[in-house]
N, C-alpha and C. Protein backbone atom coordinates (compact mmCIF):
# COMPACT_ATOMS: atom_id res chain seq x y z
N MET A 1 4.66 0.07 -7.89
CA MET A 1 4.58 1.50 -7.74
C MET A 1 4.20 1.83 -6.30
N HIS A 2 4.59 3.03 -5.91
CA HIS A 2 4.35 3.46 -4.54
C HIS A 2 3.79 4.88 -4.55
N ILE A 3 2.64 5.05 -3.91
CA ILE A 3 2.00 6.36 -3.77
C ILE A 3 2.19 6.84 -2.35
N ARG A 4 2.55 8.09 -2.20
CA ARG A 4 2.61 8.70 -0.89
C ARG A 4 1.45 9.70 -0.82
N LEU A 5 0.61 9.56 0.20
CA LEU A 5 -0.55 10.43 0.38
C LEU A 5 -0.31 11.29 1.62
N TYR A 6 -0.13 12.58 1.40
CA TYR A 6 0.06 13.51 2.51
C TYR A 6 -1.31 13.95 3.00
N THR A 7 -1.55 13.78 4.30
CA THR A 7 -2.84 14.06 4.90
C THR A 7 -2.68 14.80 6.22
N LYS A 8 -3.82 15.09 6.84
CA LYS A 8 -3.84 15.58 8.21
C LYS A 8 -5.10 15.03 8.86
N THR A 9 -5.15 15.07 10.17
CA THR A 9 -6.31 14.52 10.87
C THR A 9 -7.53 15.42 10.67
N ASN A 10 -8.71 14.82 10.80
CA ASN A 10 -9.98 15.54 10.64
C ASN A 10 -10.06 16.28 9.31
N CYS A 11 -9.75 15.57 8.23
CA CYS A 11 -9.71 16.15 6.89
C CYS A 11 -10.62 15.33 5.97
N PRO A 12 -11.85 15.80 5.72
CA PRO A 12 -12.76 15.06 4.84
C PRO A 12 -12.20 14.85 3.43
N LEU A 13 -11.49 15.83 2.90
CA LEU A 13 -10.89 15.66 1.57
C LEU A 13 -9.85 14.56 1.57
N CYS A 14 -9.13 14.43 2.68
CA CYS A 14 -8.11 13.38 2.80
C CYS A 14 -8.77 12.01 2.78
N GLU A 15 -9.89 11.88 3.47
CA GLU A 15 -10.61 10.60 3.49
C GLU A 15 -11.12 10.25 2.10
N LYS A 16 -11.63 11.25 1.37
CA LYS A 16 -12.09 11.01 0.00
C LYS A 16 -10.92 10.60 -0.90
N ALA A 17 -9.79 11.25 -0.73
CA ALA A 17 -8.61 10.92 -1.54
C ALA A 17 -8.17 9.48 -1.27
N LYS A 18 -8.16 9.10 -0.02
CA LYS A 18 -7.78 7.73 0.35
C LYS A 18 -8.75 6.72 -0.26
N ALA A 19 -10.04 7.04 -0.25
CA ALA A 19 -11.04 6.15 -0.84
C ALA A 19 -10.83 6.00 -2.34
N VAL A 20 -10.50 7.10 -3.01
CA VAL A 20 -10.23 7.07 -4.46
C VAL A 20 -9.03 6.17 -4.74
N LEU A 21 -7.97 6.33 -3.97
CA LEU A 21 -6.77 5.52 -4.17
C LEU A 21 -7.06 4.04 -3.92
N MET A 22 -7.85 3.75 -2.91
CA MET A 22 -8.18 2.35 -2.61
C MET A 22 -9.03 1.74 -3.74
N GLU A 23 -9.91 2.54 -4.34
CA GLU A 23 -10.69 2.07 -5.50
C GLU A 23 -9.75 1.74 -6.66
N LEU A 24 -8.78 2.61 -6.88
CA LEU A 24 -7.83 2.39 -7.98
C LEU A 24 -6.96 1.16 -7.74
N GLN A 25 -6.71 0.83 -6.48
CA GLN A 25 -5.91 -0.36 -6.15
C GLN A 25 -6.59 -1.64 -6.62
N ALA A 26 -7.89 -1.62 -6.79
CA ALA A 26 -8.61 -2.80 -7.27
C ALA A 26 -8.21 -3.14 -8.71
N ASP A 27 -7.80 -2.12 -9.47
CA ASP A 27 -7.43 -2.30 -10.88
C ASP A 27 -5.94 -2.26 -11.13
N MET A 28 -5.19 -1.64 -10.24
CA MET A 28 -3.76 -1.43 -10.46
C MET A 28 -2.98 -1.81 -9.21
N ALA A 29 -1.77 -2.27 -9.43
CA ALA A 29 -0.93 -2.68 -8.30
C ALA A 29 -0.05 -1.51 -7.85
N PHE A 30 -0.33 -0.99 -6.66
CA PHE A 30 0.53 0.02 -6.05
C PHE A 30 0.28 0.02 -4.54
N THR A 31 1.27 0.52 -3.83
CA THR A 31 1.13 0.63 -2.38
C THR A 31 0.83 2.08 -2.02
N ILE A 32 0.20 2.27 -0.88
CA ILE A 32 -0.13 3.61 -0.39
C ILE A 32 0.54 3.81 0.96
N GLU A 33 1.29 4.89 1.05
CA GLU A 33 1.88 5.29 2.33
C GLU A 33 1.22 6.60 2.73
N GLU A 34 0.55 6.60 3.87
CA GLU A 34 -0.12 7.80 4.35
C GLU A 34 0.82 8.54 5.30
N VAL A 35 1.03 9.83 5.04
CA VAL A 35 1.95 10.64 5.85
C VAL A 35 1.18 11.83 6.42
N ASP A 36 1.15 11.94 7.74
CA ASP A 36 0.50 13.05 8.42
C ASP A 36 1.46 14.24 8.44
N ILE A 37 1.08 15.33 7.78
CA ILE A 37 1.98 16.48 7.68
C ILE A 37 2.24 17.14 9.03
N TYR A 38 1.37 16.88 10.02
CA TYR A 38 1.58 17.48 11.34
C TYR A 38 2.68 16.78 12.13
N GLN A 39 3.24 15.70 11.59
CA GLN A 39 4.34 15.00 12.25
C GLN A 39 5.70 15.54 11.81
N ASP A 40 5.71 16.48 10.85
CA ASP A 40 6.97 17.00 10.31
C ASP A 40 6.77 18.48 9.95
N ASP A 41 7.49 19.36 10.62
CA ASP A 41 7.32 20.80 10.39
C ASP A 41 7.57 21.21 8.94
N ALA A 42 8.56 20.58 8.29
CA ALA A 42 8.86 20.93 6.91
C ALA A 42 7.69 20.55 6.00
N LEU A 43 7.10 19.38 6.23
CA LEU A 43 5.94 18.96 5.43
C LEU A 43 4.74 19.86 5.70
N LEU A 44 4.56 20.24 6.95
CA LEU A 44 3.46 21.14 7.30
C LEU A 44 3.59 22.46 6.56
N GLU A 45 4.78 23.00 6.55
CA GLU A 45 5.01 24.27 5.87
C GLU A 45 4.82 24.12 4.35
N LYS A 46 5.27 23.01 3.80
CA LYS A 46 5.21 22.80 2.35
C LYS A 46 3.78 22.54 1.85
N TYR A 47 3.02 21.74 2.59
CA TYR A 47 1.73 21.26 2.08
C TYR A 47 0.50 21.79 2.80
N GLN A 48 0.65 22.69 3.75
CA GLN A 48 -0.44 23.10 4.62
C GLN A 48 -1.75 23.38 3.89
N LEU A 49 -1.73 24.15 2.83
CA LEU A 49 -2.95 24.54 2.13
C LEU A 49 -3.29 23.62 0.96
N MET A 50 -2.43 22.68 0.65
CA MET A 50 -2.64 21.81 -0.51
C MET A 50 -3.30 20.48 -0.17
N ILE A 51 -3.34 20.12 1.08
CA ILE A 51 -3.77 18.79 1.54
C ILE A 51 -5.14 18.43 1.01
N PRO A 52 -5.37 17.21 0.60
CA PRO A 52 -4.42 16.11 0.50
C PRO A 52 -3.54 16.24 -0.75
N VAL A 53 -2.37 15.61 -0.69
CA VAL A 53 -1.43 15.60 -1.81
C VAL A 53 -1.09 14.16 -2.14
N VAL A 54 -1.19 13.82 -3.44
CA VAL A 54 -0.83 12.49 -3.92
C VAL A 54 0.49 12.62 -4.66
N GLU A 55 1.47 11.83 -4.22
CA GLU A 55 2.81 11.89 -4.80
C GLU A 55 3.19 10.52 -5.34
N LEU A 56 3.73 10.51 -6.55
CA LEU A 56 4.19 9.28 -7.20
C LEU A 56 5.63 9.49 -7.62
N SER A 57 6.52 8.66 -7.12
CA SER A 57 7.95 8.76 -7.45
C SER A 57 8.51 10.15 -7.20
N GLY A 58 8.10 10.76 -6.08
CA GLY A 58 8.62 12.07 -5.72
C GLY A 58 7.97 13.24 -6.44
N GLU A 59 6.99 12.98 -7.31
CA GLU A 59 6.33 14.02 -8.07
C GLU A 59 4.88 14.15 -7.62
N THR A 60 4.44 15.38 -7.34
CA THR A 60 3.05 15.62 -6.99
C THR A 60 2.19 15.42 -8.24
N ILE A 61 1.24 14.49 -8.15
CA ILE A 61 0.38 14.23 -9.31
C ILE A 61 -1.04 14.74 -9.10
N ALA A 62 -1.42 15.04 -7.86
CA ALA A 62 -2.74 15.60 -7.58
C ALA A 62 -2.76 16.17 -6.17
N TYR A 63 -3.61 17.17 -5.97
CA TYR A 63 -3.79 17.71 -4.61
C TYR A 63 -5.15 18.38 -4.52
N GLY A 64 -5.60 18.59 -3.28
CA GLY A 64 -6.91 19.19 -3.06
C GLY A 64 -8.00 18.18 -3.37
N MET A 65 -8.90 18.54 -4.27
CA MET A 65 -9.96 17.62 -4.71
C MET A 65 -9.33 16.58 -5.63
N ILE A 66 -9.15 15.37 -5.16
CA ILE A 66 -8.48 14.32 -5.93
C ILE A 66 -9.49 13.67 -6.87
N GLU A 67 -9.21 13.74 -8.17
CA GLU A 67 -10.09 13.15 -9.17
C GLU A 67 -9.53 11.81 -9.62
N LYS A 68 -10.39 10.81 -9.56
CA LYS A 68 -9.99 9.43 -9.85
C LYS A 68 -9.34 9.29 -11.23
N GLU A 69 -9.94 9.88 -12.25
CA GLU A 69 -9.42 9.71 -13.61
C GLU A 69 -8.06 10.36 -13.79
N THR A 70 -7.84 11.49 -13.14
CA THR A 70 -6.54 12.16 -13.23
C THR A 70 -5.45 11.26 -12.66
N VAL A 71 -5.71 10.68 -11.50
CA VAL A 71 -4.73 9.81 -10.86
C VAL A 71 -4.56 8.53 -11.68
N ARG A 72 -5.65 7.98 -12.19
CA ARG A 72 -5.57 6.76 -13.01
C ARG A 72 -4.66 6.97 -14.23
N LYS A 73 -4.84 8.09 -14.90
CA LYS A 73 -4.01 8.39 -16.09
C LYS A 73 -2.53 8.47 -15.73
N ARG A 74 -2.23 9.12 -14.61
CA ARG A 74 -0.82 9.25 -14.20
C ARG A 74 -0.23 7.90 -13.81
N LEU A 75 -1.03 7.06 -13.15
CA LEU A 75 -0.56 5.73 -12.78
C LEU A 75 -0.32 4.87 -14.02
N ARG A 76 -1.23 4.93 -14.96
CA ARG A 76 -1.06 4.17 -16.22
C ARG A 76 0.19 4.62 -16.96
N ALA A 77 0.40 5.93 -17.03
CA ALA A 77 1.58 6.46 -17.70
C ALA A 77 2.85 5.96 -17.01
N ALA A 78 2.83 5.91 -15.68
CA ALA A 78 4.01 5.45 -14.94
C ALA A 78 4.23 3.95 -15.15
N GLN A 79 3.13 3.18 -15.27
CA GLN A 79 3.26 1.75 -15.51
C GLN A 79 3.87 1.46 -16.88
N ASN A 80 3.52 2.30 -17.85
CA ASN A 80 3.95 2.06 -19.23
C ASN A 80 5.32 2.63 -19.55
N SER A 81 5.91 3.35 -18.61
CA SER A 81 7.24 3.94 -18.90
C SER A 81 8.36 3.07 -18.41
């Protein structure tokens, strides 16, 4: 599985989201790709107020305050499908 994490620099929520994902990696196999929305105008326009955004298979599964259990449930569901 592959997670895309949309972030921006100097973002405490983004750092917390990354830490949550790294904790989950200890139990589940997935890769994390971090994407800075300030490198792409379309992404900046799309996600500006939602950051951080966690995306799995092209679907947004969490944004803002990232809760570990919410992401864990979505990852498990994706593993079992």
